[in-house]
């Protein structure tokens, strides 16, 4: 059949009704408004060959940078694909963030072709640093391509689009992450009931919303996603937001019926998996037409609004330096059990802690710099042994047998800048943890909730710390100022139930005490005799008490980081 010209990669047995050709055989339309309506109504949806030809023309009309790799470039690089069988074992580039290629209705051997195309794109577009939607887009376009080279050219043009104000694919982590925050803005405004459901059921809302693009490009069944692609190639990126909001609305309705309105908070990964499963099976209850109808029923949803939100969120991320996804290799601490000696943790527990620390220190060896069993219970001796070490690891065992501690990014000598006034210092790499009775780490709240970043005013070095031993009226700093118009609606709402004040108070110390974590309480407070302490929730780490709220120190150790290569 004629459709095979554009279907050599397709497993027609998987296509269902889409394998049948019907409807119009050509599109004769010059008016853009009319053409949009044709796309929304599925004018070419029942004819595979016509759909492929429309896609080809739409992509050909995308304004691109002057030098954009085309089909001939692919053929020059890859040679004659007819005599070269691509390998399905070629891994996808790191910038797809581990997202697998959705097969949709491709033949099994076509998956290898898609992998080969994506890796060739990676070589031609070295500036791409984060593009998790690329596998789905490549897979979809391969269904409508005559050969690999044509698919390569089509995806290249989408990546190289340079039309002002138009975007098709996120290509950096900053763009992707701000897109997730923007989706949160839109969900809060246009999908309030579903948004509240996610808040009520998921521990981390932004983690759930980080999948929003994948809901559309990856999780939707082929019959639905090609109808989205029809409109996406005509109208652009905003269609993805519309469809994702519609999916969230349908999911909310599904959960309300299944649970009778009851919802319990659970791990975010479970909520993500539940949404994914719902979207995977959406064809049983919702047609592609019904999905698009819901998507386009949202009023006052403009490209201008999306652009403004996106720019605001990008700015807030840039102000805090959150522009690159921090990828971490699996670095194992090579501890020698025969020589490692701690009275608080075992070698295995120290390896667990080491897996949490910043990667640049992960190859260092732990070096004991202070322990109360040897150096005594004196805060002065604590400071004299710890100064000059950066970073350090604080370990505490209580008389009840609980074990907790903190990774501290900054030299304790920094405390002297405030005189004897208790002043906070340190960086967002600090974290607190507990090992016994159960293991748990609590990072800086902004790492888990980057949408809070723009609401934090960088604290000066004269920030006065709150201490459990001082007047209770001084437990918190005053709320930082928020620049007018500097925050997006998403950032200024309280749907995360987090206090946006005092979220950058990491460590403090004077002659009377040391404090880890501040803002409406302290994660850890230790007195001058290193004998008694207190623990509670604090805004900086959003942690619960790490052990009994009032405790007696049985043993305290401080470990430094020795460069193994320097020794």
Foldseek 3Di string as FASTA:
>chain_A
DVLCLFAVFFQLVLVPQLSAADADDEDDDDDLVVLLVCLLVCRPSNHLQRLLVVLLVLLVPFDFDPDFDALVNVCVVVPDVVVPQADLPQDADCQLVPQQQAQQGGDPSVNSLLRVLRVVVCVVCVVQRHFNLSSLQLNLSSRGHSDSRHSSRSVRSLVRRDDPLAHATDRFPLLLLLLLLLLLLCCVPQVVLLNLQLLQAELFSSVLSSCLLCLQRPLAHPQQNVSLVSNCSSPHDLSSSLLSSLLSNVVSVVCCVVPVPDHHYDYRVVVNVSSSVCNNPVVVPAGSSRSSVSSVVGPPRDSVVSVVSSVLSSVLCVVVPNTHDDDADQQFAPDDQVPDDDPQDHPVVVRVVLRLADRVQSPFDKAWQDKCVPQNQALVSVLVRQAPFAWKWKWFAFPVGWIKTKTFGDGQVLQCVQPQFWWFDGFQSMWIWTPPPHTDIFGFPCVSVVLLRLQDDDDDRNFGDAAPPDDPVPQFGPFDDHPPPSHDPSNPDCSSVADSGQQTGAWTDHQFWIFGAGAPFTQKIAGRRSFKIAGAAHRGRRDGRRDHRITTTPMMIMIGTHNPVVD
